[in-house]
Amino acid sequence: AEELALAREKGVHFVLLSPVLPTASHPDAEVLGWKGFSDLVAEFPLP
């Protein structure tokens, strides 16, 4: 959420939010999951 707020403040056009699901390169990384992703972007006004 902190980095999303910073991106909004700086005026970028869009963001990539990660990691949503596990990846082959980082299989043990803590992931957001779809619910965590959805909660973060629910009222975020950028693509």
ModelCIF file with pLDDT and N, C-alpha, C, O atoms, coordinates in Angstrom:
data_MODEL
#
_entry.id   MODEL 
#
_entity.id                         1 
_entity.type                       polymer 
_entity.pdbx_number_of_molecules   1 
#
_entity_poly.entity_id                      1 
_entity_poly.type                           'polypeptide(L)' 
_entity_poly.nstd_linkage                   no 
_entity_poly.nstd_monomer                   no 
_entity_poly.pdbx_seq_one_letter_code       AEELALAREKGVHFVLLSPVLPTASHPDAEVLGWKGFSDLVAEFPLP 
_entity_poly.pdbx_seq_one_letter_code_can   AEELALAREKGVHFVLLSPVLPTASHPDAEVLGWKGFSDLVAEFPLP 
_entity_poly.pdbx_strand_id                 A 
#
loop_
_entity_poly_seq.entity_id 
_entity_poly_seq.num 
_entity_poly_seq.mon_id 
_entity_poly_seq.hetero 
1 1  ALA n 
1 2  GLU n 
1 3  GLU n 
1 4  LEU n 
1 5  ALA n 
1 6  LEU n 
1 7  ALA n 
1 8  ARG n 
1 9  GLU n 
1 10 LYS n 
1 11 GLY n 
1 12 VAL n 
1 13 HIS n 
1 14 PHE n 
1 15 VAL n 
1 16 LEU n 
1 17 LEU n 
1 18 SER n 
1 19 PRO n 
1 20 VAL n 
1 21 LEU n 
1 22 PRO n 
1 23 THR n 
1 24 ALA n 
1 25 SER n 
1 26 HIS n 
1 27 PRO n 
1 28 ASP n 
1 29 ALA n 
1 30 GLU n 
1 31 VAL n 
1 32 LEU n 
1 33 GLY n 
1 34 TRP n 
1 35 LYS n 
1 36 GLY n 
1 37 PHE n 
1 38 SER n 
1 39 ASP n 
1 40 LEU n 
1 41 VAL n 
1 42 ALA n 
1 43 GLU n 
1 44 PHE n 
1 45 PRO n 
1 46 LEU n 
1 47 PRO n 
#
_struct_asym.id          A 
_struct_asym.entity_id   1 
#
loop_
_ma_qa_metric.id 
_ma_qa_metric.mode 
_ma_qa_metric.name 
_ma_qa_metric.software_group_id 
_ma_qa_metric.type 
1 global pLDDT . pLDDT 
2 local  pLDDT . pLDDT 
#
_ma_qa_metric_global.metric_id      1 
_ma_qa_metric_global.metric_value   92.55 
_ma_qa_metric_global.model_id       1 
_ma_qa_metric_global.ordinal_id     1 
#
loop_
_ma_qa_metric_local.label_asym_id 
_ma_qa_metric_local.label_comp_id 
_ma_qa_metric_local.label_seq_id 
_ma_qa_metric_local.metric_id 
_ma_qa_metric_local.metric_value 
_ma_qa_metric_local.model_id 
_ma_qa_metric_local.ordinal_id 
A ALA 1  2 97.00 1 1  
A GLU 2  2 96.00 1 2  
A GLU 3  2 97.00 1 3  
A LEU 4  2 97.00 1 4  
A ALA 5  2 96.00 1 5  
A LEU 6  2 96.00 1 6  
A ALA 7  2 96.00 1 7  
A ARG 8  2 93.00 1 8  
A GLU 9  2 93.00 1 9  
A LYS 10 2 92.00 1 10 
A GLY 11 2 91.00 1 11 
A VAL 12 2 94.00 1 12 
A HIS 13 2 94.00 1 13 
A PHE 14 2 96.00 1 14 
A VAL 15 2 97.00 1 15 
A LEU 16 2 98.00 1 16 
A LEU 17 2 98.00 1 17 
A SER 18 2 96.00 1 18 
A PRO 19 2 96.00 1 19 
A VAL 20 2 97.00 1 20 
A LEU 21 2 95.00 1 21 
A PRO 22 2 91.00 1 22 
A THR 23 2 86.00 1 23 
A ALA 24 2 78.00 1 24 
A SER 25 2 76.00 1 25 
A HIS 26 2 74.00 1 26 
A PRO 27 2 76.00 1 27 
A ASP 28 2 79.00 1 28 
A ALA 29 2 81.00 1 29 
A GLU 30 2 91.00 1 30 
A VAL 31 2 95.00 1 31 
A LEU 32 2 97.00 1 32 
A GLY 33 2 97.00 1 33 
A TRP 34 2 97.00 1 34 
A LYS 35 2 97.00 1 35 
A GLY 36 2 97.00 1 36 
A PHE 37 2 98.00 1 37 
A SER 38 2 96.00 1 38 
A ASP 39 2 97.00 1 39 
A LEU 40 2 97.00 1 40 
A VAL 41 2 95.00 1 41 
A ALA 42 2 90.00 1 42 
A GLU 43 2 85.00 1 43 
A PHE 44 2 93.00 1 44 
A PRO 45 2 92.00 1 45 
A LEU 46 2 94.00 1 46 
A PRO 47 2 96.00 1 47 
#
loop_
_atom_site.group_PDB 
_atom_site.id 
_atom_site.type_symbol 
_atom_site.label_atom_id 
_atom_site.label_alt_id 
_atom_site.label_comp_id 
_atom_site.label_asym_id 
_atom_site.label_entity_id 
_atom_site.label_seq_id 
_atom_site.pdbx_PDB_ins_code 
_atom_site.Cartn_x 
_atom_site.Cartn_y 
_atom_site.Cartn_z 
_atom_site.occupancy 
_atom_site.B_iso_or_equiv 
_atom_site.pdbx_formal_charge 
_atom_site.auth_seq_id 
_atom_site.auth_comp_id 
_atom_site.auth_asym_id 
_atom_site.auth_atom_id 
_atom_site.pdbx_PDB_model_num 
ATOM 1   N N  . ALA A 1 1  ? 0.820   -1.210  0.000   1.00 97.00 ? 1  ALA A N  1 
ATOM 2   C CA . ALA A 1 1  ? 0.000   0.000   0.000   1.00 97.00 ? 1  ALA A CA 1 
ATOM 3   C C  . ALA A 1 1  ? 0.854   1.261   0.000   1.00 97.00 ? 1  ALA A C  1 
ATOM 4   O O  . ALA A 1 1  ? 0.496   2.250   -0.640  1.00 97.00 ? 1  ALA A O  1 
ATOM 5   N N  . GLU A 1 2  ? 1.981   1.238   0.710   1.00 96.00 ? 2  GLU A N  1 
ATOM 6   C CA . GLU A 1 2  ? 2.846   2.422   0.771   1.00 96.00 ? 2  GLU A CA 1 
ATOM 7   C C  . GLU A 1 2  ? 3.393   2.774   -0.608  1.00 96.00 ? 2  GLU A C  1 
ATOM 8   O O  . GLU A 1 2  ? 3.410   3.943   -0.994  1.00 96.00 ? 2  GLU A O  1 
ATOM 9   N N  . GLU A 1 3  ? 3.838   1.768   -1.344  1.00 97.00 ? 3  GLU A N  1 
ATOM 10  C CA . GLU A 1 3  ? 4.388   2.041   -2.672  1.00 97.00 ? 3  GLU A CA 1 
ATOM 11  C C  . GLU A 1 3  ? 3.294   2.445   -3.652  1.00 97.00 ? 3  GLU A C  1 
ATOM 12  O O  . GLU A 1 3  ? 3.537   3.271   -4.532  1.00 97.00 ? 3  GLU A O  1 
ATOM 13  N N  . LEU A 1 4  ? 2.098   1.883   -3.519  1.00 97.00 ? 4  LEU A N  1 
ATOM 14  C CA . LEU A 1 4  ? 0.985   2.315   -4.356  1.00 97.00 ? 4  LEU A CA 1 
ATOM 15  C C  . LEU A 1 4  ? 0.673   3.793   -4.116  1.00 97.00 ? 4  LEU A C  1 
ATOM 16  O O  . LEU A 1 4  ? 0.460   4.549   -5.064  1.00 97.00 ? 4  LEU A O  1 
ATOM 17  N N  . ALA A 1 5  ? 0.648   4.196   -2.854  1.00 96.00 ? 5  ALA A N  1 
ATOM 18  C CA . ALA A 1 5  ? 0.377   5.598   -2.522  1.00 96.00 ? 5  ALA A CA 1 
ATOM 19  C C  . ALA A 1 5  ? 1.461   6.503   -3.104  1.00 96.00 ? 5  ALA A C  1 
ATOM 20  O O  . ALA A 1 5  ? 1.169   7.605   -3.571  1.00 96.00 ? 5  ALA A O  1 
ATOM 21  N N  . LEU A 1 6  ? 2.711   6.037   -3.077  1.00 96.00 ? 6  LEU A N  1 
ATOM 22  C CA . LEU A 1 6  ? 3.815   6.821   -3.621  1.00 96.00 ? 6  LEU A CA 1 
ATOM 23  C C  . LEU A 1 6  ? 3.686   6.960   -5.135  1.00 96.00 ? 6  LEU A C  1 
ATOM 24  O O  . LEU A 1 6  ? 3.935   8.033   -5.684  1.00 96.00 ? 6  LEU A O  1 
ATOM 25  N N  . ALA A 1 7  ? 3.300   5.881   -5.808  1.00 96.00 ? 7  ALA A N  1 
ATOM 26  C CA . ALA A 1 7  ? 3.113   5.929   -7.261  1.00 96.00 ? 7  ALA A CA 1 
ATOM 27  C C  . ALA A 1 7  ? 2.010   6.916   -7.634  1.00 96.00 ? 7  ALA A C  1 
ATOM 28  O O  . ALA A 1 7  ? 2.126   7.659   -8.608  1.00 96.00 ? 7  ALA A O  1 
ATOM 29  N N  . ARG A 1 8  ? 0.951   6.909   -6.851  1.00 93.00 ? 8  ARG A N  1 
ATOM 30  C CA . ARG A 1 8  ? -0.148  7.852   -7.099  1.00 93.00 ? 8  ARG A CA 1 
ATOM 31  C C  . ARG A 1 8  ? 0.333   9.289   -6.892  1.00 93.00 ? 8  ARG A C  1 
ATOM 32  O O  . ARG A 1 8  ? 0.027   10.175  -7.689  1.00 93.00 ? 8  ARG A O  1 
ATOM 33  N N  . GLU A 1 9  ? 1.081   9.505   -5.827  1.00 93.00 ? 9  GLU A N  1 
ATOM 34  C CA . GLU A 1 9  ? 1.584   10.848  -5.513  1.00 93.00 ? 9  GLU A CA 1 
ATOM 35  C C  . GLU A 1 9  ? 2.517   11.359  -6.596  1.00 93.00 ? 9  GLU A C  1 
ATOM 36  O O  . GLU A 1 9  ? 2.484   12.542  -6.938  1.00 93.00 ? 9  GLU A O  1 
ATOM 37  N N  . LYS A 1 10 ? 3.359   10.470  -7.146  1.00 92.00 ? 10 LYS A N  1 
ATOM 38  C CA . LYS A 1 10 ? 4.343   10.893  -8.140  1.00 92.00 ? 10 LYS A CA 1 
ATOM 39  C C  . LYS A 1 10 ? 3.735   11.074  -9.536  1.00 92.00 ? 10 LYS A C  1 
ATOM 40  O O  . LYS A 1 10 ? 4.364   11.671  -10.409 1.00 92.00 ? 10 LYS A O  1 
ATOM 41  N N  . GLY A 1 11 ? 2.522   10.567  -9.750  1.00 91.00 ? 11 GLY A N  1 
ATOM 42  C CA . GLY A 1 11 ? 1.840   10.812  -11.012 1.00 91.00 ? 11 GLY A CA 1 
ATOM 43  C C  . GLY A 1 11 ? 2.190   9.868   -12.139 1.00 91.00 ? 11 GLY A C  1 
ATOM 44  O O  . GLY A 1 11 ? 2.149   10.268  -13.303 1.00 91.00 ? 11 GLY A O  1 
ATOM 45  N N  . VAL A 1 12 ? 2.539   8.611   -11.833 1.00 94.00 ? 12 VAL A N  1 
ATOM 46  C CA . VAL A 1 12 ? 2.794   7.640   -12.903 1.00 94.00 ? 12 VAL A CA 1 
ATOM 47  C C  . VAL A 1 12 ? 1.475   7.272   -13.568 1.00 94.00 ? 12 VAL A C  1 
ATOM 48  O O  . VAL A 1 12 ? 0.404   7.555   -13.030 1.00 94.00 ? 12 VAL A O  1 
ATOM 49  N N  . HIS A 1 13 ? 1.550   6.644   -14.733 1.00 94.00 ? 13 HIS A N  1 
ATOM 50  C CA . HIS A 1 13 ? 0.339   6.326   -15.484 1.00 94.00 ? 13 HIS A CA 1 
ATOM 51  C C  . HIS A 1 13 ? -0.276  4.975   -15.103 1.00 94.00 ? 13 HIS A C  1 
ATOM 52  O O  . HIS A 1 13 ? -1.490  4.795   -15.199 1.00 94.00 ? 13 HIS A O  1 
ATOM 53  N N  . PHE A 1 14 ? 0.563   4.025   -14.668 1.00 96.00 ? 14 PHE A N  1 
ATOM 54  C CA . PHE A 1 14 ? 0.057   2.711   -14.274 1.00 96.00 ? 14 PHE A CA 1 
ATOM 55  C C  . PHE A 1 14 ? 1.092   2.036   -13.390 1.00 96.00 ? 14 PHE A C  1 
ATOM 56  O O  . PHE A 1 14 ? 2.234   2.487   -13.301 1.00 96.00 ? 14 PHE A O  1 
ATOM 57  N N  . VAL A 1 15 ? 0.689   0.952   -12.736 1.00 97.00 ? 15 VAL A N  1 
ATOM 58  C CA . VAL A 1 15 ? 1.621   0.216   -11.883 1.00 97.00 ? 15 VAL A CA 1 
ATOM 59  C C  . VAL A 1 15 ? 1.496   -1.280  -12.126 1.00 97.00 ? 15 VAL A C  1 
ATOM 60  O O  . VAL A 1 15 ? 0.485   -1.762  -12.636 1.00 97.00 ? 15 VAL A O  1 
ATOM 61  N N  . LEU A 1 16 ? 2.547   -2.006  -11.750 1.00 98.00 ? 16 LEU A N  1 
ATOM 62  C CA . LEU A 1 16 ? 2.542   -3.463  -11.667 1.00 98.00 ? 16 LEU A CA 1 
ATOM 63  C C  . LEU A 1 16 ? 2.607   -3.818  -10.190 1.00 98.00 ? 16 LEU A C  1 
ATOM 64  O O  . LEU A 1 16 ? 3.507   -3.366  -9.481  1.00 98.00 ? 16 LEU A O  1 
ATOM 65  N N  . LEU A 1 17 ? 1.662   -4.619  -9.722  1.00 98.00 ? 17 LEU A N  1 
ATOM 66  C CA . LEU A 1 17 ? 1.605   -4.988  -8.308  1.00 98.00 ? 17 LEU A CA 1 
ATOM 67  C C  . LEU A 1 17 ? 1.924   -6.467  -8.167  1.00 98.00 ? 17 LEU A C  1 
ATOM 68  O O  . LEU A 1 17 ? 1.310   -7.311  -8.819  1.00 98.00 ? 17 LEU A O  1 
ATOM 69  N N  . SER A 1 18 ? 2.906   -6.779  -7.296  1.00 96.00 ? 18 SER A N  1 
ATOM 70  C CA . SER A 1 18 ? 3.356   -8.169  -7.171  1.00 96.00 ? 18 SER A CA 1 
ATOM 71  C C  . SER A 1 18 ? 3.897   -8.436  -5.764  1.00 96.00 ? 18 SER A C  1 
ATOM 72  O O  . SER A 1 18 ? 4.101   -7.512  -4.976  1.00 96.00 ? 18 SER A O  1 
ATOM 73  N N  . PRO A 1 19 ? 4.133   -9.770  -5.457  1.00 96.00 ? 19 PRO A N  1 
ATOM 74  C CA . PRO A 1 19 ? 3.727   -10.933 -6.256  1.00 96.00 ? 19 PRO A CA 1 
ATOM 75  C C  . PRO A 1 19 ? 2.317   -11.379 -5.888  1.00 96.00 ? 19 PRO A C  1 
ATOM 76  O O  . PRO A 1 19 ? 1.975   -11.479 -4.709  1.00 96.00 ? 19 PRO A O  1 
ATOM 77  N N  . VAL A 1 20 ? 1.507   -11.645 -6.901  1.00 97.00 ? 20 VAL A N  1 
ATOM 78  C CA . VAL A 1 20 ? 0.136   -12.081 -6.648  1.00 97.00 ? 20 VAL A CA 1 
ATOM 79  C C  . VAL A 1 20 ? 0.100   -13.577 -6.342  1.00 97.00 ? 20 VAL A C  1 
ATOM 80  O O  . VAL A 1 20 ? -0.550  -14.007 -5.389  1.00 97.00 ? 20 VAL A O  1 
ATOM 81  N N  . LEU A 1 21 ? 0.800   -14.365 -7.155  1.00 95.00 ? 21 LEU A N  1 
ATOM 82  C CA . LEU A 1 21 ? 0.857   -15.818 -6.969  1.00 95.00 ? 21 LEU A CA 1 
ATOM 83  C C  . LEU A 1 21 ? 2.320   -16.259 -6.919  1.00 95.00 ? 21 LEU A C  1 
ATOM 84  O O  . LEU A 1 21 ? 3.201   -15.499 -7.320  1.00 95.00 ? 21 LEU A O  1 
ATOM 85  N N  . PRO A 1 22 ? 2.596   -17.476 -6.432  1.00 91.00 ? 22 PRO A N  1 
ATOM 86  C CA . PRO A 1 22 ? 3.988   -17.956 -6.420  1.00 91.00 ? 22 PRO A CA 1 
ATOM 87  C C  . PRO A 1 22 ? 4.575   -18.027 -7.824  1.00 91.00 ? 22 PRO A C  1 
ATOM 88  O O  . PRO A 1 22 ? 3.859   -18.263 -8.797  1.00 91.00 ? 22 PRO A O  1 
ATOM 89  N N  . THR A 1 23 ? 5.869   -17.824 -7.918  1.00 86.00 ? 23 THR A N  1 
ATOM 90  C CA . THR A 1 23 ? 6.558   -17.905 -9.205  1.00 86.00 ? 23 THR A CA 1 
ATOM 91  C C  . THR A 1 23 ? 7.673   -18.941 -9.133  1.00 86.00 ? 23 THR A C  1 
ATOM 92  O O  . THR A 1 23 ? 8.145   -19.291 -8.051  1.00 86.00 ? 23 THR A O  1 
ATOM 93  N N  . ALA A 1 24 ? 8.084   -19.421 -10.298 1.00 78.00 ? 24 ALA A N  1 
ATOM 94  C CA . ALA A 1 24 ? 9.162   -20.410 -10.352 1.00 78.00 ? 24 ALA A CA 1 
ATOM 95  C C  . ALA A 1 24 ? 10.473  -19.828 -9.855  1.00 78.00 ? 24 ALA A C  1 
ATOM 96  O O  . ALA A 1 24 ? 11.289  -20.546 -9.278  1.00 78.00 ? 24 ALA A O  1 
ATOM 97  N N  . SER A 1 25 ? 10.688  -18.522 -10.073 1.00 76.00 ? 25 SER A N  1 
ATOM 98  C CA . SER A 1 25 ? 11.948  -17.898 -9.662  1.00 76.00 ? 25 SER A CA 1 
ATOM 99  C C  . SER A 1 25 ? 11.971  -17.578 -8.171  1.00 76.00 ? 25 SER A C  1 
ATOM 100 O O  . SER A 1 25 ? 13.043  -17.504 -7.572  1.00 76.00 ? 25 SER A O  1 
ATOM 101 N N  . HIS A 1 26 ? 10.780  -17.384 -7.556  1.00 74.00 ? 26 HIS A N  1 
ATOM 102 C CA . HIS A 1 26 ? 10.704  -17.077 -6.118  1.00 74.00 ? 26 HIS A CA 1 
ATOM 103 C C  . HIS A 1 26 ? 9.565   -17.894 -5.490  1.00 74.00 ? 26 HIS A C  1 
ATOM 104 O O  . HIS A 1 26 ? 8.568   -17.329 -5.042  1.00 74.00 ? 26 HIS A O  1 
ATOM 105 N N  . PRO A 1 27 ? 9.719   -19.223 -5.460  1.00 76.00 ? 27 PRO A N  1 
ATOM 106 C CA . PRO A 1 27 ? 8.610   -20.077 -5.002  1.00 76.00 ? 27 PRO A CA 1 
ATOM 107 C C  . PRO A 1 27 ? 8.249   -19.902 -3.533  1.00 76.00 ? 27 PRO A C  1 
ATOM 108 O O  . PRO A 1 27 ? 7.122   -20.205 -3.141  1.00 76.00 ? 27 PRO A O  1 
ATOM 109 N N  . ASP A 1 28 ? 9.172   -19.424 -2.717  1.00 79.00 ? 28 ASP A N  1 
ATOM 110 C CA . ASP A 1 28 ? 8.917   -19.303 -1.280  1.00 79.00 ? 28 ASP A CA 1 
ATOM 111 C C  . ASP A 1 28 ? 8.572   -17.881 -0.851  1.00 79.00 ? 28 ASP A C  1 
ATOM 112 O O  . ASP A 1 28 ? 8.397   -17.625 0.341   1.00 79.00 ? 28 ASP A O  1 
ATOM 113 N N  . ALA A 1 29 ? 8.471   -16.957 -1.795  1.00 81.00 ? 29 ALA A N  1 
ATOM 114 C CA . ALA A 1 29 ? 8.171   -15.566 -1.448  1.00 81.00 ? 29 ALA A CA 1 
ATOM 115 C C  . ALA A 1 29 ? 6.738   -15.444 -0.937  1.00 81.00 ? 29 ALA A C  1 
ATOM 116 O O  . ALA A 1 29 ? 5.848   -16.170 -1.379  1.00 81.00 ? 29 ALA A O  1 
ATOM 117 N N  . GLU A 1 30 ? 6.527   -14.523 -0.007  1.00 91.00 ? 30 GLU A N  1 
ATOM 118 C CA . GLU A 1 30 ? 5.177   -14.267 0.501   1.00 91.00 ? 30 GLU A CA 1 
ATOM 119 C C  . GLU A 1 30 ? 4.371   -13.577 -0.595  1.00 91.00 ? 30 GLU A C  1 
ATOM 120 O O  . GLU A 1 30 ? 4.815   -12.581 -1.165  1.00 91.00 ? 30 GLU A O  1 
ATOM 121 N N  . VAL A 1 31 ? 3.189   -14.108 -0.886  1.00 95.00 ? 31 VAL A N  1 
ATOM 122 C CA . VAL A 1 31 ? 2.383   -13.582 -1.991  1.00 95.00 ? 31 VAL A CA 1 
ATOM 123 C C  . VAL A 1 31 ? 1.151   -12.852 -1.464  1.00 95.00 ? 31 VAL A C  1 
ATOM 124 O O  . VAL A 1 31 ? 0.718   -13.063 -0.331  1.00 95.00 ? 31 VAL A O  1 
ATOM 125 N N  . LEU A 1 32 ? 0.604   -11.999 -2.307  1.00 97.00 ? 32 LEU A N  1 
ATOM 126 C CA . LEU A 1 32 ? -0.605  -11.255 -1.956  1.00 97.00 ? 32 LEU A CA 1 
ATOM 127 C C  . LEU A 1 32 ? -1.844  -12.136 -2.040  1.00 97.00 ? 32 LEU A C  1 
ATOM 128 O O  . LEU A 1 32 ? -2.760  -12.004 -1.228  1.00 97.00 ? 32 LEU A O  1 
ATOM 129 N N  . GLY A 1 33 ? -1.872  -13.040 -3.026  1.00 97.00 ? 33 GLY A N  1 
ATOM 130 C CA . GLY A 1 33 ? -3.091  -13.770 -3.329  1.00 97.00 ? 33 GLY A CA 1 
ATOM 131 C C  . GLY A 1 33 ? -4.079  -12.829 -4.008  1.00 97.00 ? 33 GLY A C  1 
ATOM 132 O O  . GLY A 1 33 ? -3.901  -11.611 -3.977  1.00 97.00 ? 33 GLY A O  1 
ATOM 133 N N  . TRP A 1 34 ? -5.114  -13.388 -4.617  1.00 97.00 ? 34 TRP A N  1 
ATOM 134 C CA . TRP A 1 34 ? -6.076  -12.545 -5.321  1.00 97.00 ? 34 TRP A CA 1 
ATOM 135 C C  . TRP A 1 34 ? -6.842  -11.622 -4.378  1.00 97.00 ? 34 TRP A C  1 
ATOM 136 O O  . TRP A 1 34 ? -7.156  -10.487 -4.736  1.00 97.00 ? 34 TRP A O  1 
ATOM 137 N N  . LYS A 1 35 ? -7.143  -12.110 -3.170  1.00 97.00 ? 35 LYS A N  1 
ATOM 138 C CA . LYS A 1 35 ? -7.869  -11.257 -2.225  1.00 97.00 ? 35 LYS A CA 1 
ATOM 139 C C  . LYS A 1 35 ? -7.002  -10.086 -1.778  1.00 97.00 ? 35 LYS A C  1 
ATOM 140 O O  . LYS A 1 35 ? -7.465  -8.946  -1.728  1.00 97.00 ? 35 LYS A O  1 
ATOM 141 N N  . GLY A 1 36 ? -5.749  -10.369 -1.456  1.00 97.00 ? 36 GLY A N  1 
ATOM 142 C CA . GLY A 1 36 ? -4.855  -9.292  -1.060  1.00 97.00 ? 36 GLY A CA 1 
ATOM 143 C C  . GLY A 1 36 ? -4.679  -8.270  -2.170  1.00 97.00 ? 36 GLY A C  1 
ATOM 144 O O  . GLY A 1 36 ? -4.660  -7.065  -1.918  1.00 97.00 ? 36 GLY A O  1 
ATOM 145 N N  . PHE A 1 37 ? -4.550  -8.756  -3.397  1.00 98.00 ? 37 PHE A N  1 
ATOM 146 C CA . PHE A 1 37 ? -4.439  -7.860  -4.551  1.00 98.00 ? 37 PHE A CA 1 
ATOM 147 C C  . PHE A 1 37 ? -5.690  -7.001  -4.664  1.00 98.00 ? 37 PHE A C  1 
ATOM 148 O O  . PHE A 1 37 ? -5.604  -5.780  -4.788  1.00 98.00 ? 37 PHE A O  1 
ATOM 149 N N  . SER A 1 38 ? -6.854  -7.645  -4.620  1.00 96.00 ? 38 SER A N  1 
ATOM 150 C CA . SER A 1 38 ? -8.121  -6.931  -4.776  1.00 96.00 ? 38 SER A CA 1 
ATOM 151 C C  . SER A 1 38 ? -8.317  -5.886  -3.688  1.00 96.00 ? 38 SER A C  1 
ATOM 152 O O  . SER A 1 38 ? -8.791  -4.784  -3.965  1.00 96.00 ? 38 SER A O  1 
ATOM 153 N N  . ASP A 1 39 ? -7.956  -6.223  -2.450  1.00 97.00 ? 39 ASP A N  1 
ATOM 154 C CA . ASP A 1 39 ? -8.098  -5.267  -1.345  1.00 97.00 ? 39 ASP A CA 1 
ATOM 155 C C  . ASP A 1 39 ? -7.228  -4.029  -1.571  1.00 97.00 ? 39 ASP A C  1 
ATOM 156 O O  . ASP A 1 39 ? -7.650  -2.912  -1.272  1.00 97.00 ? 39 ASP A O  1 
ATOM 157 N N  . LEU A 1 40 ? -6.017  -4.223  -2.096  1.00 97.00 ? 40 LEU A N  1 
ATOM 158 C CA . LEU A 1 40 ? -5.102  -3.098  -2.293  1.00 97.00 ? 40 LEU A CA 1 
ATOM 159 C C  . LEU A 1 40 ? -5.544  -2.169  -3.418  1.00 97.00 ? 40 LEU A C  1 
ATOM 160 O O  . LEU A 1 40 ? -5.319  -0.960  -3.348  1.00 97.00 ? 40 LEU A O  1 
ATOM 161 N N  . VAL A 1 41 ? -6.172  -2.725  -4.455  1.00 95.00 ? 41 VAL A N  1 
ATOM 162 C CA . VAL A 1 41 ? -6.517  -1.894  -5.624  1.00 95.00 ? 41 VAL A CA 1 
ATOM 163 C C  . VAL A 1 41 ? -7.974  -1.443  -5.627  1.00 95.00 ? 41 VAL A C  1 
ATOM 164 O O  . VAL A 1 41 ? -8.405  -0.747  -6.547  1.00 95.00 ? 41 VAL A O  1 
ATOM 165 N N  . ALA A 1 42 ? -8.736  -1.834  -4.604  1.00 90.00 ? 42 ALA A N  1 
ATOM 166 C CA . ALA A 1 42 ? -10.185 -1.573  -4.593  1.00 90.00 ? 42 ALA A CA 1 
ATOM 167 C C  . ALA A 1 42 ? -10.523 -0.107  -4.841  1.00 90.00 ? 42 ALA A C  1 
ATOM 168 O O  . ALA A 1 42 ? -11.476 0.191   -5.561  1.00 90.00 ? 42 ALA A O  1 
ATOM 169 N N  . GLU A 1 43 ? -9.756  0.810   -4.255  1.00 85.00 ? 43 GLU A N  1 
ATOM 170 C CA . GLU A 1 43 ? -10.019 2.229   -4.461  1.00 85.00 ? 43 GLU A CA 1 
ATOM 171 C C  . GLU A 1 43 ? -8.750  2.960   -4.873  1.00 85.00 ? 43 GLU A C  1 
ATOM 172 O O  . GLU A 1 43 ? -8.518  4.105   -4.483  1.00 85.00 ? 43 GLU A O  1 
ATOM 173 N N  . PHE A 1 44 ? -7.933  2.276   -5.670  1.00 93.00 ? 44 PHE A N  1 
ATOM 174 C CA . PHE A 1 44 ? -6.701  2.873   -6.178  1.00 93.00 ? 44 PHE A CA 1 
ATOM 175 C C  . PHE A 1 44 ? -6.971  3.401   -7.582  1.00 93.00 ? 44 PHE A C  1 
ATOM 176 O O  . PHE A 1 44 ? -7.322  2.622   -8.467  1.00 93.00 ? 44 PHE A O  1 
ATOM 177 N N  . PRO A 1 45 ? -6.816  4.706   -7.809  1.00 92.00 ? 45 PRO A N  1 
ATOM 178 C CA . PRO A 1 45 ? -7.310  5.316   -9.051  1.00 92.00 ? 45 PRO A CA 1 
ATOM 179 C C  . PRO A 1 45 ? -6.354  5.273   -10.231 1.00 92.00 ? 45 PRO A C  1 
ATOM 180 O O  . PRO A 1 45 ? -6.351  6.194   -11.047 1.00 92.00 ? 45 PRO A O  1 
ATOM 181 N N  . LEU A 1 46 ? -5.543  4.228   -10.343 1.00 94.00 ? 46 LEU A N  1 
ATOM 182 C CA . LEU A 1 46 ? -4.670  4.068   -11.495 1.00 94.00 ? 46 LEU A CA 1 
ATOM 183 C C  . LEU A 1 46 ? -4.807  2.640   -12.019 1.00 94.00 ? 46 LEU A C  1 
ATOM 184 O O  . LEU A 1 46 ? -5.122  1.737   -11.244 1.00 94.00 ? 46 LEU A O  1 
ATOM 185 N N  . PRO A 1 47 ? -4.580  2.414   -13.303 1.00 96.00 ? 47 PRO A N  1 
ATOM 186 C CA . PRO A 1 47 ? -4.576  1.049   -13.820 1.00 96.00 ? 47 PRO A CA 1 
ATOM 187 C C  . PRO A 1 47 ? -3.484  0.217   -13.155 1.00 96.00 ? 47 PRO A C  1 
ATOM 188 O O  . PRO A 1 47 ? -3.331  -0.964  -13.468 1.00 96.00 ? 47 PRO A O  1 
#
